[in-house]
Amino acid sequence: VFGRAQRVGDRTTLHDPIAESLRDDEKDRYCYPQVRVIPPGGPYFK
């Protein structure tokens, strides 16, 4: 929306188990927000 992805509150990838494979010094560098994923289907409206 106006170039900003819809997000899931304040959750980031550090709240997801996939971040367990990162080293401690990489967690701040690869901290991305979690976004709302639109599943298969439709029709949707924008």
ModelCIF file with pLDDT and N, C-alpha, C, O atoms, coordinates in Angstrom:
data_MODEL
#
_entry.id   MODEL 
#
_entity.id                         1 
_entity.type                       polymer 
_entity.pdbx_number_of_molecules   1 
#
_entity_poly.entity_id                      1 
_entity_poly.type                           'polypeptide(L)' 
_entity_poly.nstd_linkage                   no 
_entity_poly.nstd_monomer                   no 
_entity_poly.pdbx_seq_one_letter_code       VFGRAQRVGDRTTLHDPIAESLRDDEKDRYCYPQVRVIPPGGPYFK 
_entity_poly.pdbx_seq_one_letter_code_can   VFGRAQRVGDRTTLHDPIAESLRDDEKDRYCYPQVRVIPPGGPYFK 
_entity_poly.pdbx_strand_id                 A 
#
loop_
_entity_poly_seq.entity_id 
_entity_poly_seq.num 
_entity_poly_seq.mon_id 
_entity_poly_seq.hetero 
1 1  VAL n 
1 2  PHE n 
1 3  GLY n 
1 4  ARG n 
1 5  ALA n 
1 6  GLN n 
1 7  ARG n 
1 8  VAL n 
1 9  GLY n 
1 10 ASP n 
1 11 ARG n 
1 12 THR n 
1 13 THR n 
1 14 LEU n 
1 15 HIS n 
1 16 ASP n 
1 17 PRO n 
1 18 ILE n 
1 19 ALA n 
1 20 GLU n 
1 21 SER n 
1 22 LEU n 
1 23 ARG n 
1 24 ASP n 
1 25 ASP n 
1 26 GLU n 
1 27 LYS n 
1 28 ASP n 
1 29 ARG n 
1 30 TYR n 
1 31 CYS n 
1 32 TYR n 
1 33 PRO n 
1 34 GLN n 
1 35 VAL n 
1 36 ARG n 
1 37 VAL n 
1 38 ILE n 
1 39 PRO n 
1 40 PRO n 
1 41 GLY n 
1 42 GLY n 
1 43 PRO n 
1 44 TYR n 
1 45 PHE n 
1 46 LYS n 
#
_struct_asym.id          A 
_struct_asym.entity_id   1 
#
loop_
_ma_qa_metric.id 
_ma_qa_metric.mode 
_ma_qa_metric.name 
_ma_qa_metric.software_group_id 
_ma_qa_metric.type 
1 global pLDDT . pLDDT 
2 local  pLDDT . pLDDT 
#
_ma_qa_metric_global.metric_id      1 
_ma_qa_metric_global.metric_value   88.13 
_ma_qa_metric_global.model_id       1 
_ma_qa_metric_global.ordinal_id     1 
#
loop_
_ma_qa_metric_local.label_asym_id 
_ma_qa_metric_local.label_comp_id 
_ma_qa_metric_local.label_seq_id 
_ma_qa_metric_local.metric_id 
_ma_qa_metric_local.metric_value 
_ma_qa_metric_local.model_id 
_ma_qa_metric_local.ordinal_id 
A VAL 1  2 90.00 1 1  
A PHE 2  2 89.00 1 2  
A GLY 3  2 87.00 1 3  
A ARG 4  2 90.00 1 4  
A ALA 5  2 89.00 1 5  
A GLN 6  2 90.00 1 6  
A ARG 7  2 90.00 1 7  
A VAL 8  2 89.00 1 8  
A GLY 9  2 86.00 1 9  
A ASP 10 2 88.00 1 10 
A ARG 11 2 90.00 1 11 
A THR 12 2 89.00 1 12 
A THR 13 2 89.00 1 13 
A LEU 14 2 89.00 1 14 
A HIS 15 2 88.00 1 15 
A ASP 16 2 87.00 1 16 
A PRO 17 2 88.00 1 17 
A ILE 18 2 87.00 1 18 
A ALA 19 2 87.00 1 19 
A GLU 20 2 87.00 1 20 
A SER 21 2 85.00 1 21 
A LEU 22 2 87.00 1 22 
A ARG 23 2 86.00 1 23 
A ASP 24 2 86.00 1 24 
A ASP 25 2 85.00 1 25 
A GLU 26 2 86.00 1 26 
A LYS 27 2 87.00 1 27 
A ASP 28 2 87.00 1 28 
A ARG 29 2 88.00 1 29 
A TYR 30 2 89.00 1 30 
A CYS 31 2 90.00 1 31 
A TYR 32 2 91.00 1 32 
A PRO 33 2 92.00 1 33 
A GLN 34 2 91.00 1 34 
A VAL 35 2 91.00 1 35 
A ARG 36 2 92.00 1 36 
A VAL 37 2 91.00 1 37 
A ILE 38 2 90.00 1 38 
A PRO 39 2 91.00 1 39 
A PRO 40 2 91.00 1 40 
A GLY 41 2 87.00 1 41 
A GLY 42 2 76.00 1 42 
A PRO 43 2 87.00 1 43 
A TYR 44 2 88.00 1 44 
A PHE 45 2 86.00 1 45 
A LYS 46 2 85.00 1 46 
#
loop_
_atom_site.group_PDB 
_atom_site.id 
_atom_site.type_symbol 
_atom_site.label_atom_id 
_atom_site.label_alt_id 
_atom_site.label_comp_id 
_atom_site.label_asym_id 
_atom_site.label_entity_id 
_atom_site.label_seq_id 
_atom_site.pdbx_PDB_ins_code 
_atom_site.Cartn_x 
_atom_site.Cartn_y 
_atom_site.Cartn_z 
_atom_site.occupancy 
_atom_site.B_iso_or_equiv 
_atom_site.pdbx_formal_charge 
_atom_site.auth_seq_id 
_atom_site.auth_comp_id 
_atom_site.auth_asym_id 
_atom_site.auth_atom_id 
_atom_site.pdbx_PDB_model_num 
ATOM 1   N N  . VAL A 1 1  ? 0.864   -1.176  0.000  1.00 90.00 ? 1  VAL A N  1 
ATOM 2   C CA . VAL A 1 1  ? 0.000   0.000   0.000  1.00 90.00 ? 1  VAL A CA 1 
ATOM 3   C C  . VAL A 1 1  ? 0.904   1.231   0.000  1.00 90.00 ? 1  VAL A C  1 
ATOM 4   O O  . VAL A 1 1  ? 1.628   1.485   0.963  1.00 90.00 ? 1  VAL A O  1 
ATOM 5   N N  . PHE A 1 2  ? 0.849   1.999   -1.110 1.00 89.00 ? 2  PHE A N  1 
ATOM 6   C CA . PHE A 1 2  ? 1.757   3.136   -1.312 1.00 89.00 ? 2  PHE A CA 1 
ATOM 7   C C  . PHE A 1 2  ? 3.220   2.692   -1.157 1.00 89.00 ? 2  PHE A C  1 
ATOM 8   O O  . PHE A 1 2  ? 4.055   3.425   -0.628 1.00 89.00 ? 2  PHE A O  1 
ATOM 9   N N  . GLY A 1 3  ? 3.500   1.488   -1.626 1.00 87.00 ? 3  GLY A N  1 
ATOM 10  C CA . GLY A 1 3  ? 4.876   0.993   -1.626 1.00 87.00 ? 3  GLY A CA 1 
ATOM 11  C C  . GLY A 1 3  ? 5.303   0.276   -0.364 1.00 87.00 ? 3  GLY A C  1 
ATOM 12  O O  . GLY A 1 3  ? 6.422   -0.234  -0.304 1.00 87.00 ? 3  GLY A O  1 
ATOM 13  N N  . ARG A 1 4  ? 4.452   0.218   0.643  1.00 90.00 ? 4  ARG A N  1 
ATOM 14  C CA . ARG A 1 4  ? 4.801   -0.434  1.904  1.00 90.00 ? 4  ARG A CA 1 
ATOM 15  C C  . ARG A 1 4  ? 4.055   -1.750  2.019  1.00 90.00 ? 4  ARG A C  1 
ATOM 16  O O  . ARG A 1 4  ? 2.831   -1.784  1.893  1.00 90.00 ? 4  ARG A O  1 
ATOM 17  N N  . ALA A 1 5  ? 4.778   -2.827  2.257  1.00 89.00 ? 5  ALA A N  1 
ATOM 18  C CA . ALA A 1 5  ? 4.166   -4.144  2.354  1.00 89.00 ? 5  ALA A CA 1 
ATOM 19  C C  . ALA A 1 5  ? 3.342   -4.252  3.624  1.00 89.00 ? 5  ALA A C  1 
ATOM 20  O O  . ALA A 1 5  ? 3.721   -3.734  4.675  1.00 89.00 ? 5  ALA A O  1 
ATOM 21  N N  . GLN A 1 6  ? 2.212   -4.931  3.511  1.00 90.00 ? 6  GLN A N  1 
ATOM 22  C CA . GLN A 1 6  ? 1.379   -5.180  4.679  1.00 90.00 ? 6  GLN A CA 1 
ATOM 23  C C  . GLN A 1 6  ? 2.095   -6.154  5.614  1.00 90.00 ? 6  GLN A C  1 
ATOM 24  O O  . GLN A 1 6  ? 2.557   -7.213  5.189  1.00 90.00 ? 6  GLN A O  1 
ATOM 25  N N  . ARG A 1 7  ? 2.178   -5.790  6.865  1.00 90.00 ? 7  ARG A N  1 
ATOM 26  C CA . ARG A 1 7  ? 2.972   -6.558  7.812  1.00 90.00 ? 7  ARG A CA 1 
ATOM 27  C C  . ARG A 1 7  ? 2.096   -7.220  8.871  1.00 90.00 ? 7  ARG A C  1 
ATOM 28  O O  . ARG A 1 7  ? 0.936   -6.862  9.074  1.00 90.00 ? 7  ARG A O  1 
ATOM 29  N N  . VAL A 1 8  ? 2.708   -8.209  9.541  1.00 89.00 ? 8  VAL A N  1 
ATOM 30  C CA . VAL A 1 8  ? 2.020   -8.926  10.611 1.00 89.00 ? 8  VAL A CA 1 
ATOM 31  C C  . VAL A 1 8  ? 2.462   -8.329  11.943 1.00 89.00 ? 8  VAL A C  1 
ATOM 32  O O  . VAL A 1 8  ? 3.363   -8.850  12.600 1.00 89.00 ? 8  VAL A O  1 
ATOM 33  N N  . GLY A 1 9  ? 1.820   -7.239  12.330 1.00 86.00 ? 9  GLY A N  1 
ATOM 34  C CA . GLY A 1 9  ? 2.170   -6.568  13.584 1.00 86.00 ? 9  GLY A CA 1 
ATOM 35  C C  . GLY A 1 9  ? 3.635   -6.155  13.597 1.00 86.00 ? 9  GLY A C  1 
ATOM 36  O O  . GLY A 1 9  ? 4.154   -5.607  12.624 1.00 86.00 ? 9  GLY A O  1 
ATOM 37  N N  . ASP A 1 10 ? 4.284   -6.427  14.712 1.00 88.00 ? 10 ASP A N  1 
ATOM 38  C CA . ASP A 1 10 ? 5.705   -6.097  14.860 1.00 88.00 ? 10 ASP A CA 1 
ATOM 39  C C  . ASP A 1 10 ? 6.597   -7.332  14.737 1.00 88.00 ? 10 ASP A C  1 
ATOM 40  O O  . ASP A 1 10 ? 7.768   -7.290  15.116 1.00 88.00 ? 10 ASP A O  1 
ATOM 41  N N  . ARG A 1 11 ? 6.062   -8.407  14.221 1.00 90.00 ? 11 ARG A N  1 
ATOM 42  C CA . ARG A 1 11 ? 6.820   -9.653  14.123 1.00 90.00 ? 11 ARG A CA 1 
ATOM 43  C C  . ARG A 1 11 ? 7.861   -9.558  13.009 1.00 90.00 ? 11 ARG A C  1 
ATOM 44  O O  . ARG A 1 11 ? 7.631   -8.957  11.959 1.00 90.00 ? 11 ARG A O  1 
ATOM 45  N N  . THR A 1 12 ? 9.016   -10.175 13.278 1.00 89.00 ? 12 THR A N  1 
ATOM 46  C CA . THR A 1 12 ? 10.108  -10.217 12.308 1.00 89.00 ? 12 THR A CA 1 
ATOM 47  C C  . THR A 1 12 ? 10.545  -11.669 12.118 1.00 89.00 ? 12 THR A C  1 
ATOM 48  O O  . THR A 1 12 ? 9.997   -12.582 12.736 1.00 89.00 ? 12 THR A O  1 
ATOM 49  N N  . THR A 1 13 ? 11.526  -11.861 11.265 1.00 89.00 ? 13 THR A N  1 
ATOM 50  C CA . THR A 1 13 ? 12.043  -13.219 11.038 1.00 89.00 ? 13 THR A CA 1 
ATOM 51  C C  . THR A 1 13 ? 12.718  -13.773 12.284 1.00 89.00 ? 13 THR A C  1 
ATOM 52  O O  . THR A 1 13 ? 12.887  -14.987 12.403 1.00 89.00 ? 13 THR A O  1 
ATOM 53  N N  . LEU A 1 14 ? 13.106  -12.906 13.213 1.00 89.00 ? 14 LEU A N  1 
ATOM 54  C CA . LEU A 1 14 ? 13.722  -13.393 14.451 1.00 89.00 ? 14 LEU A CA 1 
ATOM 55  C C  . LEU A 1 14 ? 12.713  -14.114 15.334 1.00 89.00 ? 14 LEU A C  1 
ATOM 56  O O  . LEU A 1 14 ? 13.101  -14.855 16.237 1.00 89.00 ? 14 LEU A O  1 
ATOM 57  N N  . HIS A 1 15 ? 11.417  -13.906 15.085 1.00 88.00 ? 15 HIS A N  1 
ATOM 58  C CA . HIS A 1 15 ? 10.380  -14.625 15.818 1.00 88.00 ? 15 HIS A CA 1 
ATOM 59  C C  . HIS A 1 15 ? 10.044  -15.959 15.159 1.00 88.00 ? 15 HIS A C  1 
ATOM 60  O O  . HIS A 1 15 ? 9.211   -16.710 15.668 1.00 88.00 ? 15 HIS A O  1 
ATOM 61  N N  . ASP A 1 16 ? 10.680  -16.255 14.040 1.00 87.00 ? 16 ASP A N  1 
ATOM 62  C CA . ASP A 1 16 ? 10.396  -17.479 13.297 1.00 87.00 ? 16 ASP A CA 1 
ATOM 63  C C  . ASP A 1 16 ? 11.525  -18.477 13.498 1.00 87.00 ? 16 ASP A C  1 
ATOM 64  O O  . ASP A 1 16 ? 12.676  -18.065 13.638 1.00 87.00 ? 16 ASP A O  1 
ATOM 65  N N  . PRO A 1 17 ? 11.236  -19.785 13.517 1.00 88.00 ? 17 PRO A N  1 
ATOM 66  C CA . PRO A 1 17 ? 12.302  -20.788 13.697 1.00 88.00 ? 17 PRO A CA 1 
ATOM 67  C C  . PRO A 1 17 ? 13.392  -20.752 12.629 1.00 88.00 ? 17 PRO A C  1 
ATOM 68  O O  . PRO A 1 17 ? 14.481  -21.279 12.855 1.00 88.00 ? 17 PRO A O  1 
ATOM 69  N N  . ILE A 1 18 ? 13.128  -20.144 11.472 1.00 87.00 ? 18 ILE A N  1 
ATOM 70  C CA . ILE A 1 18 ? 14.169  -20.107 10.438 1.00 87.00 ? 18 ILE A CA 1 
ATOM 71  C C  . ILE A 1 18 ? 15.370  -19.280 10.875 1.00 87.00 ? 18 ILE A C  1 
ATOM 72  O O  . ILE A 1 18 ? 16.458  -19.432 10.319 1.00 87.00 ? 18 ILE A O  1 
ATOM 73  N N  . ALA A 1 19 ? 15.187  -18.395 11.878 1.00 87.00 ? 19 ALA A N  1 
ATOM 74  C CA . ALA A 1 19 ? 16.299  -17.571 12.344 1.00 87.00 ? 19 ALA A CA 1 
ATOM 75  C C  . ALA A 1 19 ? 17.258  -18.347 13.235 1.00 87.00 ? 19 ALA A C  1 
ATOM 76  O O  . ALA A 1 19 ? 18.329  -17.837 13.566 1.00 87.00 ? 19 ALA A O  1 
ATOM 77  N N  . GLU A 1 20 ? 16.901  -19.572 13.636 1.00 87.00 ? 20 GLU A N  1 
ATOM 78  C CA . GLU A 1 20 ? 17.791  -20.351 14.495 1.00 87.00 ? 20 GLU A CA 1 
ATOM 79  C C  . GLU A 1 20 ? 19.082  -20.734 13.792 1.00 87.00 ? 20 GLU A C  1 
ATOM 80  O O  . GLU A 1 20 ? 20.087  -21.001 14.450 1.00 87.00 ? 20 GLU A O  1 
ATOM 81  N N  . SER A 1 21 ? 19.070  -20.767 12.460 1.00 85.00 ? 21 SER A N  1 
ATOM 82  C CA . SER A 1 21 ? 20.278  -21.125 11.708 1.00 85.00 ? 21 SER A CA 1 
ATOM 83  C C  . SER A 1 21 ? 21.247  -19.957 11.559 1.00 85.00 ? 21 SER A C  1 
ATOM 84  O O  . SER A 1 21 ? 22.363  -20.148 11.076 1.00 85.00 ? 21 SER A O  1 
ATOM 85  N N  . LEU A 1 22 ? 20.848  -18.759 11.962 1.00 87.00 ? 22 LEU A N  1 
ATOM 86  C CA . LEU A 1 22 ? 21.717  -17.587 11.858 1.00 87.00 ? 22 LEU A CA 1 
ATOM 87  C C  . LEU A 1 22 ? 22.639  -17.503 13.065 1.00 87.00 ? 22 LEU A C  1 
ATOM 88  O O  . LEU A 1 22 ? 22.277  -17.885 14.178 1.00 87.00 ? 22 LEU A O  1 
ATOM 89  N N  . ARG A 1 23 ? 23.839  -16.993 12.815 1.00 86.00 ? 23 ARG A N  1 
ATOM 90  C CA . ARG A 1 23 ? 24.747  -16.719 13.922 1.00 86.00 ? 23 ARG A CA 1 
ATOM 91  C C  . ARG A 1 23 ? 24.270  -15.471 14.668 1.00 86.00 ? 23 ARG A C  1 
ATOM 92  O O  . ARG A 1 23 ? 23.462  -14.695 14.158 1.00 86.00 ? 23 ARG A O  1 
ATOM 93  N N  . ASP A 1 24 ? 24.779  -15.299 15.867 1.00 86.00 ? 24 ASP A N  1 
ATOM 94  C CA . ASP A 1 24 ? 24.338  -14.157 16.683 1.00 86.00 ? 24 ASP A CA 1 
ATOM 95  C C  . ASP A 1 24 ? 24.673  -12.835 16.011 1.00 86.00 ? 24 ASP A C  1 
ATOM 96  O O  . ASP A 1 24 ? 23.896  -11.885 16.101 1.00 86.00 ? 24 ASP A O  1 
ATOM 97  N N  . ASP A 1 25 ? 25.829  -12.756 15.333 1.00 85.00 ? 25 ASP A N  1 
ATOM 98  C CA . ASP A 1 25 ? 26.206  -11.505 14.686 1.00 85.00 ? 25 ASP A CA 1 
ATOM 99  C C  . ASP A 1 25 ? 25.441  -11.256 13.394 1.00 85.00 ? 25 ASP A C  1 
ATOM 100 O O  . ASP A 1 25 ? 25.549  -10.170 12.824 1.00 85.00 ? 25 ASP A O  1 
ATOM 101 N N  . GLU A 1 26 ? 24.662  -12.241 12.909 1.00 86.00 ? 26 GLU A N  1 
ATOM 102 C CA . GLU A 1 26 ? 23.895  -12.068 11.676 1.00 86.00 ? 26 GLU A CA 1 
ATOM 103 C C  . GLU A 1 26 ? 22.433  -11.715 11.937 1.00 86.00 ? 26 GLU A C  1 
ATOM 104 O O  . GLU A 1 26 ? 21.735  -11.272 11.025 1.00 86.00 ? 26 GLU A O  1 
ATOM 105 N N  . LYS A 1 27 ? 21.971  -11.900 13.145 1.00 87.00 ? 27 LYS A N  1 
ATOM 106 C CA . LYS A 1 27 ? 20.545  -11.722 13.411 1.00 87.00 ? 27 LYS A CA 1 
ATOM 107 C C  . LYS A 1 27 ? 20.100  -10.274 13.241 1.00 87.00 ? 27 LYS A C  1 
ATOM 108 O O  . LYS A 1 27 ? 19.001  -10.021 12.749 1.00 87.00 ? 27 LYS A O  1 
ATOM 109 N N  . ASP A 1 28 ? 20.934  -9.329  13.640 1.00 87.00 ? 28 ASP A N  1 
ATOM 110 C CA . ASP A 1 28 ? 20.557  -7.920  13.447 1.00 87.00 ? 28 ASP A CA 1 
ATOM 111 C C  . ASP A 1 28 ? 20.592  -7.527  11.969 1.00 87.00 ? 28 ASP A C  1 
ATOM 112 O O  . ASP A 1 28 ? 19.806  -6.689  11.527 1.00 87.00 ? 28 ASP A O  1 
ATOM 113 N N  . ARG A 1 29 ? 21.504  -8.132  11.211 1.00 88.00 ? 29 ARG A N  1 
ATOM 114 C CA . ARG A 1 29 ? 21.650  -7.779  9.800  1.00 88.00 ? 29 ARG A CA 1 
ATOM 115 C C  . ARG A 1 29 ? 20.507  -8.338  8.953  1.00 88.00 ? 29 ARG A C  1 
ATOM 116 O O  . ARG A 1 29 ? 20.057  -7.697  8.003  1.00 88.00 ? 29 ARG A O  1 
ATOM 117 N N  . TYR A 1 30 ? 20.043  -9.536  9.303  1.00 89.00 ? 30 TYR A N  1 
ATOM 118 C CA . TYR A 1 30 ? 18.998  -10.186 8.507  1.00 89.00 ? 30 TYR A CA 1 
ATOM 119 C C  . TYR A 1 30 ? 17.681  -10.225 9.279  1.00 89.00 ? 30 TYR A C  1 
ATOM 120 O O  . TYR A 1 30 ? 17.000  -11.250 9.295  1.00 89.00 ? 30 TYR A O  1 
ATOM 121 N N  . CYS A 1 31 ? 17.332  -9.141  9.901  1.00 90.00 ? 31 CYS A N  1 
ATOM 122 C CA . CYS A 1 31 ? 16.067  -9.012  10.619 1.00 90.00 ? 31 CYS A CA 1 
ATOM 123 C C  . CYS A 1 31 ? 15.043  -8.357  9.686  1.00 90.00 ? 31 CYS A C  1 
ATOM 124 O O  . CYS A 1 31 ? 15.041  -7.136  9.528  1.00 90.00 ? 31 CYS A O  1 
ATOM 125 N N  . TYR A 1 32 ? 14.183  -9.155  9.074  1.00 91.00 ? 32 TYR A N  1 
ATOM 126 C CA . TYR A 1 32 ? 13.180  -8.656  8.130  1.00 91.00 ? 32 TYR A CA 1 
ATOM 127 C C  . TYR A 1 32 ? 11.794  -8.759  8.757  1.00 91.00 ? 32 TYR A C  1 
ATOM 128 O O  . TYR A 1 32 ? 11.530  -9.680  9.531  1.00 91.00 ? 32 TYR A O  1 
ATOM 129 N N  . PRO A 1 33 ? 10.902  -7.814  8.427  1.00 92.00 ? 33 PRO A N  1 
ATOM 130 C CA . PRO A 1 33 ? 9.534   -7.909  8.959  1.00 92.00 ? 33 PRO A CA 1 
ATOM 131 C C  . PRO A 1 33 ? 8.760   -9.045  8.294  1.00 92.00 ? 33 PRO A C  1 
ATOM 132 O O  . PRO A 1 33 ? 8.979   -9.361  7.124  1.00 92.00 ? 33 PRO A O  1 
ATOM 133 N N  . GLN A 1 34 ? 7.867   -9.644  9.045  1.00 91.00 ? 34 GLN A N  1 
ATOM 134 C CA . GLN A 1 34 ? 6.982   -10.651 8.483  1.00 91.00 ? 34 GLN A CA 1 
ATOM 135 C C  . GLN A 1 34 ? 5.806   -9.956  7.804  1.00 91.00 ? 34 GLN A C  1 
ATOM 136 O O  . GLN A 1 34 ? 5.200   -9.049  8.373  1.00 91.00 ? 34 GLN A O  1 
ATOM 137 N N  . VAL A 1 35 ? 5.491   -10.383 6.593  1.00 91.00 ? 35 VAL A N  1 
ATOM 138 C CA . VAL A 1 35 ? 4.435   -9.742  5.797  1.00 91.00 ? 35 VAL A CA 1 
ATOM 139 C C  . VAL A 1 35 ? 3.250   -10.691 5.658  1.00 91.00 ? 35 VAL A C  1 
ATOM 140 O O  . VAL A 1 35 ? 3.366   -11.904 5.833  1.00 91.00 ? 35 VAL A O  1 
ATOM 141 N N  . ARG A 1 36 ? 2.100   -10.087 5.334  1.00 92.00 ? 36 ARG A N  1 
ATOM 142 C CA . ARG A 1 36 ? 0.900   -10.884 5.106  1.00 92.00 ? 36 ARG A CA 1 
ATOM 143 C C  . ARG A 1 36 ? 0.994   -11.554 3.739  1.00 92.00 ? 36 ARG A C  1 
ATOM 144 O O  . ARG A 1 36 ? 1.182   -10.888 2.720  1.00 92.00 ? 36 ARG A O  1 
ATOM 145 N N  . VAL A 1 37 ? 0.863   -12.861 3.729  1.00 91.00 ? 37 VAL A N  1 
ATOM 146 C CA . VAL A 1 37 ? 0.969   -13.633 2.501  1.00 91.00 ? 37 VAL A CA 1 
ATOM 147 C C  . VAL A 1 37 ? -0.435  -13.956 1.996  1.00 91.00 ? 37 VAL A C  1 
ATOM 148 O O  . VAL A 1 37 ? -1.258  -14.500 2.732  1.00 91.00 ? 37 VAL A O  1 
ATOM 149 N N  . ILE A 1 38 ? -0.697  -13.621 0.748  1.00 90.00 ? 38 ILE A N  1 
ATOM 150 C CA . ILE A 1 38 ? -1.988  -13.911 0.139  1.00 90.00 ? 38 ILE A CA 1 
ATOM 151 C C  . ILE A 1 38 ? -1.934  -15.310 -0.445 1.00 90.00 ? 38 ILE A C  1 
ATOM 152 O O  . ILE A 1 38 ? -1.120  -15.571 -1.331 1.00 90.00 ? 38 ILE A O  1 
ATOM 153 N N  . PRO A 1 39 ? -2.780  -16.219 0.026  1.00 91.00 ? 39 PRO A N  1 
ATOM 154 C CA . PRO A 1 39 ? -2.710  -17.618 -0.439 1.00 91.00 ? 39 PRO A CA 1 
ATOM 155 C C  . PRO A 1 39 ? -3.323  -17.772 -1.830 1.00 91.00 ? 39 PRO A C  1 
ATOM 156 O O  . PRO A 1 39 ? -3.917  -16.827 -2.350 1.00 91.00 ? 39 PRO A O  1 
ATOM 157 N N  . PRO A 1 40 ? -3.187  -18.945 -2.433 1.00 91.00 ? 40 PRO A N  1 
ATOM 158 C CA . PRO A 1 40 ? -3.807  -19.179 -3.748 1.00 91.00 ? 40 PRO A CA 1 
ATOM 159 C C  . PRO A 1 40 ? -5.322  -19.058 -3.672 1.00 91.00 ? 40 PRO A C  1 
ATOM 160 O O  . PRO A 1 40 ? -5.939  -19.396 -2.663 1.00 91.00 ? 40 PRO A O  1 
ATOM 161 N N  . GLY A 1 41 ? -5.896  -18.579 -4.742 1.00 87.00 ? 41 GLY A N  1 
ATOM 162 C CA . GLY A 1 41 ? -7.348  -18.421 -4.792 1.00 87.00 ? 41 GLY A CA 1 
ATOM 163 C C  . GLY A 1 41 ? -7.726  -17.097 -5.417 1.00 87.00 ? 41 GLY A C  1 
ATOM 164 O O  . GLY A 1 41 ? -6.971  -16.517 -6.197 1.00 87.00 ? 41 GLY A O  1 
ATOM 165 N N  . GLY A 1 42 ? -8.887  -16.639 -5.066 1.00 76.00 ? 42 GLY A N  1 
ATOM 166 C CA . GLY A 1 42 ? -9.397  -15.394 -5.610 1.00 76.00 ? 42 GLY A CA 1 
ATOM 167 C C  . GLY A 1 42 ? -10.826 -15.571 -6.130 1.00 76.00 ? 42 GLY A C  1 
ATOM 168 O O  . GLY A 1 42 ? -11.408 -16.648 -5.996 1.00 76.00 ? 42 GLY A O  1 
ATOM 169 N N  . PRO A 1 43 ? -11.374 -14.541 -6.708 1.00 87.00 ? 43 PRO A N  1 
ATOM 170 C CA . PRO A 1 43 ? -10.689 -13.273 -6.990 1.00 87.00 ? 43 PRO A CA 1 
ATOM 171 C C  . PRO A 1 43 ? -10.556 -12.389 -5.753 1.00 87.00 ? 43 PRO A C  1 
ATOM 172 O O  . PRO A 1 43 ? -11.422 -12.368 -4.879 1.00 87.00 ? 43 PRO A O  1 
ATOM 173 N N  . TYR A 1 44 ? -9.445  -11.664 -5.712 1.00 88.00 ? 44 TYR A N  1 
ATOM 174 C CA . TYR A 1 44 ? -9.199  -10.679 -4.675 1.00 88.00 ? 44 TYR A CA 1 
ATOM 175 C C  . TYR A 1 44 ? -9.342  -9.289  -5.297 1.00 88.00 ? 44 TYR A C  1 
ATOM 176 O O  . TYR A 1 44 ? -9.385  -9.134  -6.517 1.00 88.00 ? 44 TYR A O  1 
ATOM 177 N N  . PHE A 1 45 ? -9.414  -8.294  -4.431 1.00 86.00 ? 45 PHE A N  1 
ATOM 178 C CA . PHE A 1 45 ? -9.577  -6.913  -4.912 1.00 86.00 ? 45 PHE A CA 1 
ATOM 179 C C  . PHE A 1 45 ? -8.483  -6.020  -4.347 1.00 86.00 ? 45 PHE A C  1 
ATOM 180 O O  . PHE A 1 45 ? -8.064  -6.174  -3.200 1.00 86.00 ? 45 PHE A O  1 
ATOM 181 N N  . LYS A 1 46 ? -8.034  -5.090  -5.169 1.00 85.00 ? 46 LYS A N  1 
ATOM 182 C CA . LYS A 1 46 ? -7.047  -4.097  -4.741 1.00 85.00 ? 46 LYS A CA 1 
ATOM 183 C C  . LYS A 1 46 ? -7.438  -2.734  -5.308 1.00 85.00 ? 46 LYS A C  1 
ATOM 184 O O  . LYS A 1 46 ? -6.744  -1.745  -5.073 1.00 85.00 ? 46 LYS A O  1 
#
